[in-house]
Full PDB file with SEQRES, HELIX, SHEET, SSBOND, CRYST1, ORIGX, SCALE, CONECT and MASTER records, all heavy atoms in Angstrom:
SEQRES   1 A   31  ALA ARG GLY THR TRP PRO GLU ASP SER LEU GLY TRP LEU          
SEQRES   2 A   31  PRO PRO SER PRO ALA LEU PRO SER LEU ASP ALA ALA LEU          
SEQRES   3 A   31  ALA TYR PRO GLY VAL                                          
HELIX    1 AA1 GLU A    7  LEU A   10  1                                   4    
HELIX    2 AA2 LEU A   22  ALA A   27  1                                   6    
CRYST1    1.000    1.000    1.000  90.00  90.00  90.00 P 1           1          
ORIGX1      1.000000  0.000000  0.000000        0.00000                         
ORIGX2      0.000000  1.000000  0.000000        0.00000                         
ORIGX3      0.000000  0.000000  1.000000        0.00000                         
SCALE1      1.000000  0.000000  0.000000        0.00000                         
SCALE2      0.000000  1.000000  0.000000        0.00000                         
SCALE3      0.000000  0.000000  1.000000        0.00000                         
ATOM      1  N   ALA A   1     121.214 118.010  88.512  1.00  0.00           N  
ATOM      2  CA  ALA A   1     121.697 116.799  89.181  1.00  0.00           C  
ATOM      3  C   ALA A   1     121.515 116.849  90.683  1.00  0.00           C  
ATOM      4  O   ALA A   1     121.556 115.813  91.352  1.00  0.00           O  
ATOM      5  CB  ALA A   1     123.178 116.586  88.854  1.00  0.00           C  
ATOM      6  N   ARG A   2     121.306 118.034  91.246  1.00  0.00           N  
ATOM      7  CA  ARG A   2     121.110 118.143  92.689  1.00  0.00           C  
ATOM      8  C   ARG A   2     119.640 117.955  93.074  1.00  0.00           C  
ATOM      9  O   ARG A   2     119.307 117.887  94.252  1.00  0.00           O  
ATOM     10  CB  ARG A   2     121.584 119.514  93.174  1.00  0.00           C  
ATOM     11  CG  ARG A   2     123.078 119.754  92.973  1.00  0.00           C  
ATOM     12  CD  ARG A   2     123.428 121.218  93.085  1.00  0.00           C  
ATOM     13  NE  ARG A   2     122.759 121.985  92.018  1.00  0.00           N  
ATOM     14  CZ  ARG A   2     122.858 123.302  91.873  1.00  0.00           C  
ATOM     15  NH1 ARG A   2     123.594 123.999  92.714  1.00  0.00           N  
ATOM     16  NH2 ARG A   2     122.233 123.916  90.884  1.00  0.00           N  
ATOM     17  N   GLY A   3     118.779 117.868  92.066  1.00  0.00           N  
ATOM     18  CA  GLY A   3     117.352 117.753  92.322  1.00  0.00           C  
ATOM     19  C   GLY A   3     116.883 116.308  92.333  1.00  0.00           C  
ATOM     20  O   GLY A   3     117.675 115.370  92.406  1.00  0.00           O  
ATOM     21  N   THR A   4     115.587 116.134  92.282  1.00  0.00           N  
ATOM     22  CA  THR A   4     114.997 114.804  92.296  1.00  0.00           C  
ATOM     23  C   THR A   4     114.594 114.410  90.878  1.00  0.00           C  
ATOM     24  O   THR A   4     114.636 115.209  89.957  1.00  0.00           O  
ATOM     25  CB  THR A   4     113.770 114.769  93.212  1.00  0.00           C  
ATOM     26  OG1 THR A   4     112.820 115.748  92.760  1.00  0.00           O  
ATOM     27  CG2 THR A   4     114.154 115.058  94.645  1.00  0.00           C  
ATOM     28  N   TRP A   5     114.231 113.168  90.738  1.00  0.00           N  
ATOM     29  CA  TRP A   5     113.778 112.657  89.446  1.00  0.00           C  
ATOM     30  C   TRP A   5     112.597 113.504  88.933  1.00  0.00           C  
ATOM     31  O   TRP A   5     111.652 113.753  89.675  1.00  0.00           O  
ATOM     32  CB  TRP A   5     113.350 111.205  89.593  1.00  0.00           C  
ATOM     33  CG  TRP A   5     112.817 110.592  88.356  1.00  0.00           C  
ATOM     34  CD1 TRP A   5     111.498 110.452  88.002  1.00  0.00           C  
ATOM     35  CD2 TRP A   5     113.572 110.026  87.286  1.00  0.00           C  
ATOM     36  NE1 TRP A   5     111.401 109.838  86.772  1.00  0.00           N  
ATOM     37  CE2 TRP A   5     112.658 109.568  86.316  1.00  0.00           C  
ATOM     38  CE3 TRP A   5     114.934 109.870  87.049  1.00  0.00           C  
ATOM     39  CZ2 TRP A   5     113.062 108.953  85.133  1.00  0.00           C  
ATOM     40  CZ3 TRP A   5     115.336 109.260  85.875  1.00  0.00           C  
ATOM     41  CH2 TRP A   5     114.412 108.802  84.931  1.00  0.00           C  
ATOM     42  N   PRO A   6     112.643 113.951  87.669  1.00  0.00           N  
ATOM     43  CA  PRO A   6     111.559 114.806  87.142  1.00  0.00           C  
ATOM     44  C   PRO A   6     110.308 114.002  86.825  1.00  0.00           C  
ATOM     45  O   PRO A   6     109.918 113.818  85.676  1.00  0.00           O  
ATOM     46  CB  PRO A   6     112.192 115.417  85.886  1.00  0.00           C  
ATOM     47  CG  PRO A   6     113.220 114.409  85.465  1.00  0.00           C  
ATOM     48  CD  PRO A   6     113.753 113.785  86.720  1.00  0.00           C  
ATOM     49  N   GLU A   7     109.660 113.534  87.895  1.00  0.00           N  
ATOM     50  CA  GLU A   7     108.556 112.596  87.736  1.00  0.00           C  
ATOM     51  C   GLU A   7     107.377 113.214  86.985  1.00  0.00           C  
ATOM     52  O   GLU A   7     106.701 112.547  86.203  1.00  0.00           O  
ATOM     53  CB  GLU A   7     108.094 112.114  89.114  1.00  0.00           C  
ATOM     54  CG  GLU A   7     107.118 110.945  89.053  1.00  0.00           C  
ATOM     55  CD  GLU A   7     106.819 110.388  90.442  1.00  0.00           C  
ATOM     56  OE1 GLU A   7     107.052 111.088  91.433  1.00  0.00           O  
ATOM     57  OE2 GLU A   7     106.355 109.250  90.500  1.00  0.00           O  
ATOM     58  N   ASP A   8     107.135 114.502  87.200  1.00  0.00           N  
ATOM     59  CA  ASP A   8     105.996 115.144  86.542  1.00  0.00           C  
ATOM     60  C   ASP A   8     106.138 115.094  85.025  1.00  0.00           C  
ATOM     61  O   ASP A   8     105.142 114.936  84.312  1.00  0.00           O  
ATOM     62  CB  ASP A   8     105.854 116.601  87.003  1.00  0.00           C  
ATOM     63  CG  ASP A   8     105.440 116.701  88.462  1.00  0.00           C  
ATOM     64  OD1 ASP A   8     104.946 115.687  88.989  1.00  0.00           O  
ATOM     65  OD2 ASP A   8     105.610 117.772  89.061  1.00  0.00           O  
ATOM     66  N   SER A   9     107.359 115.247  84.537  1.00  0.00           N  
ATOM     67  CA  SER A   9     107.549 115.263  83.077  1.00  0.00           C  
ATOM     68  C   SER A   9     107.892 113.894  82.508  1.00  0.00           C  
ATOM     69  O   SER A   9     107.530 113.593  81.370  1.00  0.00           O  
ATOM     70  CB  SER A   9     108.649 116.271  82.715  1.00  0.00           C  
ATOM     71  OG  SER A   9     109.853 115.947  83.371  1.00  0.00           O  
ATOM     72  N   LEU A  10     108.581 113.056  83.272  1.00  0.00           N  
ATOM     73  CA  LEU A  10     109.034 111.778  82.737  1.00  0.00           C  
ATOM     74  C   LEU A  10     108.252 110.574  83.253  1.00  0.00           C  
ATOM     75  O   LEU A  10     108.286 109.524  82.633  1.00  0.00           O  
ATOM     76  CB  LEU A  10     110.522 111.571  83.079  1.00  0.00           C  
ATOM     77  CG  LEU A  10     111.520 112.488  82.375  1.00  0.00           C  
ATOM     78  CD1 LEU A  10     112.947 112.091  82.758  1.00  0.00           C  
ATOM     79  CD2 LEU A  10     111.362 112.431  80.873  1.00  0.00           C  
ATOM     80  N   GLY A  11     107.559 110.717  84.388  1.00  0.00           N  
ATOM     81  CA  GLY A  11     106.936 109.532  84.968  1.00  0.00           C  
ATOM     82  C   GLY A  11     108.004 108.523  85.360  1.00  0.00           C  
ATOM     83  O   GLY A  11     109.165 108.863  85.564  1.00  0.00           O  
ATOM     84  N   TRP A  12     107.617 107.274  85.479  1.00  0.00           N  
ATOM     85  CA  TRP A  12     108.586 106.215  85.779  1.00  0.00           C  
ATOM     86  C   TRP A  12     108.211 104.979  84.975  1.00  0.00           C  
ATOM     87  O   TRP A  12     107.164 104.371  85.190  1.00  0.00           O  
ATOM     88  CB  TRP A  12     108.619 105.880  87.264  1.00  0.00           C  
ATOM     89  CG  TRP A  12     109.599 104.777  87.562  1.00  0.00           C  
ATOM     90  CD1 TRP A  12     109.323 103.472  87.849  1.00  0.00           C  
ATOM     91  CD2 TRP A  12     111.029 104.879  87.552  1.00  0.00           C  
ATOM     92  NE1 TRP A  12     110.479 102.761  88.030  1.00  0.00           N  
ATOM     93  CE2 TRP A  12     111.549 103.602  87.845  1.00  0.00           C  
ATOM     94  CE3 TRP A  12     111.923 105.923  87.311  1.00  0.00           C  
ATOM     95  CZ2 TRP A  12     112.933 103.345  87.912  1.00  0.00           C  
ATOM     96  CZ3 TRP A  12     113.281 105.673  87.378  1.00  0.00           C  
ATOM     97  CH2 TRP A  12     113.770 104.397  87.683  1.00  0.00           C  
ATOM     98  N   LEU A  13     109.073 104.596  84.041  1.00  0.00           N  
ATOM     99  CA  LEU A  13     108.920 103.354  83.300  1.00  0.00           C  
ATOM    100  C   LEU A  13     109.928 102.370  83.865  1.00  0.00           C  
ATOM    101  O   LEU A  13     111.139 102.646  83.838  1.00  0.00           O  
ATOM    102  CB  LEU A  13     109.165 103.566  81.810  1.00  0.00           C  
ATOM    103  CG  LEU A  13     108.150 104.434  81.085  1.00  0.00           C  
ATOM    104  CD1 LEU A  13     108.573 104.651  79.628  1.00  0.00           C  
ATOM    105  CD2 LEU A  13     106.778 103.797  81.132  1.00  0.00           C  
ATOM    106  N   PRO A  14     109.501 101.219  84.386  1.00  0.00           N  
ATOM    107  CA  PRO A  14     110.434 100.300  85.037  1.00  0.00           C  
ATOM    108  C   PRO A  14     111.540  99.847  84.074  1.00  0.00           C  
ATOM    109  O   PRO A  14     111.235  99.278  83.019  1.00  0.00           O  
ATOM    110  CB  PRO A  14     109.539  99.116  85.441  1.00  0.00           C  
ATOM    111  CG  PRO A  14     108.179  99.699  85.558  1.00  0.00           C  
ATOM    112  CD  PRO A  14     108.105 100.761  84.496  1.00  0.00           C  
ATOM    113  N   PRO A  15     112.804 100.050  84.420  1.00  0.00           N  
ATOM    114  CA  PRO A  15     113.890  99.544  83.584  1.00  0.00           C  
ATOM    115  C   PRO A  15     114.126  98.045  83.760  1.00  0.00           C  
ATOM    116  O   PRO A  15     114.859  97.440  82.985  1.00  0.00           O  
ATOM    117  CB  PRO A  15     115.098 100.358  84.053  1.00  0.00           C  
ATOM    118  CG  PRO A  15     114.784 100.683  85.481  1.00  0.00           C  
ATOM    119  CD  PRO A  15     113.297 100.855  85.556  1.00  0.00           C  
ATOM    120  N   SER A  16     113.520  97.460  84.796  1.00  0.00           N  
ATOM    121  CA  SER A  16     113.565  96.014  85.034  1.00  0.00           C  
ATOM    122  C   SER A  16     112.381  95.673  85.933  1.00  0.00           C  
ATOM    123  O   SER A  16     111.841  96.535  86.626  1.00  0.00           O  
ATOM    124  CB  SER A  16     114.884  95.607  85.684  1.00  0.00           C  
ATOM    125  OG  SER A  16     115.126  96.310  86.873  1.00  0.00           O  
ATOM    126  N   PRO A  17     111.948  94.404  85.927  1.00  0.00           N  
ATOM    127  CA  PRO A  17     110.698  94.054  86.619  1.00  0.00           C  
ATOM    128  C   PRO A  17     110.687  94.342  88.108  1.00  0.00           C  
ATOM    129  O   PRO A  17     109.632  94.634  88.666  1.00  0.00           O  
ATOM    130  CB  PRO A  17     110.566  92.540  86.355  1.00  0.00           C  
ATOM    131  CG  PRO A  17     111.336  92.303  85.098  1.00  0.00           C  
ATOM    132  CD  PRO A  17     112.488  93.265  85.151  1.00  0.00           C  
ATOM    133  N   ALA A  18     111.840  94.252  88.780  1.00  0.00           N  
ATOM    134  CA  ALA A  18     111.867  94.412  90.236  1.00  0.00           C  
ATOM    135  C   ALA A  18     111.951  95.871  90.679  1.00  0.00           C  
ATOM    136  O   ALA A  18     112.046  96.137  91.876  1.00  0.00           O  
ATOM    137  CB  ALA A  18     113.023  93.620  90.848  1.00  0.00           C  
ATOM    138  N   LEU A  19     111.904  96.796  89.712  1.00  0.00           N  
ATOM    139  CA  LEU A  19     111.894  98.221  90.058  1.00  0.00           C  
ATOM    140  C   LEU A  19     110.649  98.860  89.472  1.00  0.00           C  
ATOM    141  O   LEU A  19     110.722  99.730  88.596  1.00  0.00           O  
ATOM    142  CB  LEU A  19     113.169  98.904  89.536  1.00  0.00           C  
ATOM    143  CG  LEU A  19     114.481  98.382  90.097  1.00  0.00           C  
ATOM    144  CD1 LEU A  19     115.662  99.091  89.452  1.00  0.00           C  
ATOM    145  CD2 LEU A  19     114.524  98.524  91.619  1.00  0.00           C  
ATOM    146  N   PRO A  20     109.469  98.457  89.978  1.00  0.00           N  
ATOM    147  CA  PRO A  20     108.214  98.911  89.364  1.00  0.00           C  
ATOM    148  C   PRO A  20     107.853 100.351  89.678  1.00  0.00           C  
ATOM    149  O   PRO A  20     106.985 100.917  89.037  1.00  0.00           O  
ATOM    150  CB  PRO A  20     107.178  97.951  89.961  1.00  0.00           C  
ATOM    151  CG  PRO A  20     107.734  97.587  91.303  1.00  0.00           C  
ATOM    152  CD  PRO A  20     109.224  97.507  91.075  1.00  0.00           C  
ATOM    153  N   SER A  21     108.510 100.927  90.685  1.00  0.00           N  
ATOM    154  CA  SER A  21     108.174 102.283  91.102  1.00  0.00           C  
ATOM    155  C   SER A  21     109.444 103.096  91.289  1.00  0.00           C  
ATOM    156  O   SER A  21     110.547 102.540  91.464  1.00  0.00           O  
ATOM    157  CB  SER A  21     107.394 102.269  92.424  1.00  0.00           C  
ATOM    158  OG  SER A  21     108.235 101.825  93.489  1.00  0.00           O  
ATOM    159  N   LEU A  22     109.278 104.414  91.271  1.00  0.00           N  
ATOM    160  CA  LEU A  22     110.426 105.279  91.531  1.00  0.00           C  
ATOM    161  C   LEU A  22     110.987 105.042  92.923  1.00  0.00           C  
ATOM    162  O   LEU A  22     112.210 105.004  93.117  1.00  0.00           O  
ATOM    163  CB  LEU A  22     110.004 106.742  91.351  1.00  0.00           C  
ATOM    164  CG  LEU A  22     111.069 107.803  91.682  1.00  0.00           C  
ATOM    165  CD1 LEU A  22     112.334 107.588  90.870  1.00  0.00           C  
ATOM    166  CD2 LEU A  22     110.499 109.192  91.457  1.00  0.00           C  
ATOM    167  N   ASP A  23     110.140 104.845  93.922  1.00  0.00           N  
ATOM    168  CA  ASP A  23     110.635 104.620  95.283  1.00  0.00           C  
ATOM    169  C   ASP A  23     111.444 103.324  95.373  1.00  0.00           C  
ATOM    170  O   ASP A  23     112.430 103.259  96.115  1.00  0.00           O  
ATOM    171  CB  ASP A  23     109.476 104.604  96.275  1.00  0.00           C  
ATOM    172  CG  ASP A  23     108.965 106.007  96.593  1.00  0.00           C  
ATOM    173  OD1 ASP A  23     109.593 106.996  96.135  1.00  0.00           O  
ATOM    174  OD2 ASP A  23     107.933 106.121  97.277  1.00  0.00           O  
ATOM    175  N   ALA A  24     111.039 102.296  94.636  1.00  0.00           N  
ATOM    176  CA  ALA A  24     111.832 101.056  94.604  1.00  0.00           C  
ATOM    177  C   ALA A  24     113.216 101.329  94.044  1.00  0.00           C  
ATOM    178  O   ALA A  24     114.218 100.828  94.560  1.00  0.00           O  
ATOM    179  CB  ALA A  24     111.116  99.989  93.787  1.00  0.00           C  
ATOM    180  N   ALA A  25     113.284 102.132  92.977  1.00  0.00           N  
ATOM    181  CA  ALA A  25     114.582 102.463  92.391  1.00  0.00           C  
ATOM    182  C   ALA A  25     115.429 103.296  93.342  1.00  0.00           C  
ATOM    183  O   ALA A  25     116.651 103.098  93.440  1.00  0.00           O  
ATOM    184  CB  ALA A  25     114.372 103.229  91.082  1.00  0.00           C  
ATOM    185  N   LEU A  26     114.790 104.225  94.079  1.00  0.00           N  
ATOM    186  CA  LEU A  26     115.543 105.044  95.024  1.00  0.00           C  
ATOM    187  C   LEU A  26     116.094 104.203  96.175  1.00  0.00           C  
ATOM    188  O   LEU A  26     117.205 104.434  96.659  1.00  0.00           O  
ATOM    189  CB  LEU A  26     114.645 106.158  95.565  1.00  0.00           C  
ATOM    190  CG  LEU A  26     114.191 107.223  94.554  1.00  0.00           C  
ATOM    191  CD1 LEU A  26     113.285 108.234  95.232  1.00  0.00           C  
ATOM    192  CD2 LEU A  26     115.390 107.912  93.914  1.00  0.00           C  
ATOM    193  N   ALA A  27     115.327 103.224  96.628  1.00  0.00           N  
ATOM    194  CA  ALA A  27     115.770 102.392  97.755  1.00  0.00           C  
ATOM    195  C   ALA A  27     116.791 101.334  97.336  1.00  0.00           C  
ATOM    196  O   ALA A  27     117.552 100.840  98.172  1.00  0.00           O  
ATOM    197  CB  ALA A  27     114.557 101.708  98.398  1.00  0.00           C  
ATOM    198  N   TYR A  28     116.822 101.015  96.061  1.00  0.00           N  
ATOM    199  CA  TYR A  28     117.596  99.887  95.554  1.00  0.00           C  
ATOM    200  C   TYR A  28     119.080  99.896  95.943  1.00  0.00           C  
ATOM    201  O   TYR A  28     119.596  98.865  96.398  1.00  0.00           O  
ATOM    202  CB  TYR A  28     117.433  99.809  94.034  1.00  0.00           C  
ATOM    203  CG  TYR A  28     118.228  98.746  93.358  1.00  0.00           C  
ATOM    204  CD1 TYR A  28     117.847  97.406  93.420  1.00  0.00           C  
ATOM    205  CD2 TYR A  28     119.378  99.060  92.624  1.00  0.00           C  
ATOM    206  CE1 TYR A  28     118.589  96.419  92.776  1.00  0.00           C  
ATOM    207  CE2 TYR A  28     120.117  98.093  91.988  1.00  0.00           C  
ATOM    208  CZ  TYR A  28     119.729  96.776  92.060  1.00  0.00           C  
ATOM    209  OH  TYR A  28     120.469  95.808  91.432  1.00  0.00           O  
ATOM    210  N   PRO A  29     119.824 100.998  95.797  1.00  0.00           N  
ATOM    211  CA  PRO A  29     121.254 100.920  96.119  1.00  0.00           C  
ATOM    212  C   PRO A  29     121.550 100.475  97.545  1.00  0.00           C  
ATOM    213  O   PRO A  29     122.557  99.812  97.785  1.00  0.00           O  
ATOM    214  CB  PRO A  29     121.737 102.357  95.886  1.00  0.00           C  
ATOM    215  CG  PRO A  29     120.789 102.924  94.893  1.00  0.00           C  
ATOM    216  CD  PRO A  29     119.457 102.328  95.258  1.00  0.00           C  
ATOM    217  N   GLY A  30     120.698 100.822  98.501  1.00  0.00           N  
ATOM    218  CA  GLY A  30     120.914 100.428  99.886  1.00  0.00           C  
ATOM    219  C   GLY A  30     120.311  99.089 100.240  1.00  0.00           C  
ATOM    220  O   GLY A  30     120.940  98.244 100.883  1.00  0.00           O  
ATOM    221  N   VAL A  31     119.074  98.851  99.784  1.00  0.00           N  
ATOM    222  CA  VAL A  31     118.344  97.655 100.216  1.00  0.00           C  
ATOM    223  C   VAL A  31     118.754  96.419  99.419  1.00  0.00           C  
ATOM    224  O   VAL A  31     118.569  95.287  99.877  1.00  0.00           O  
ATOM    225  CB  VAL A  31     116.830  97.906 100.126  1.00  0.00           C  
ATOM    226  CG1 VAL A  31     116.019  96.689 100.550  1.00  0.00           C  
ATOM    227  CG2 VAL A  31     116.442  99.098 100.999  1.00  0.00           C  
TER     228      VAL A  31                                                      
MASTER        0    0    0    2    0    0    0    6  227    1    0    3          
END                                                                             
């Protein structure tokens, strides 16, 4: 839980259309 998203093993599948990338999801709570 202290690490980052395991992108190498899981990749990123958008859970909704406006979060197409991992960086969008990371920025979402603030922006």
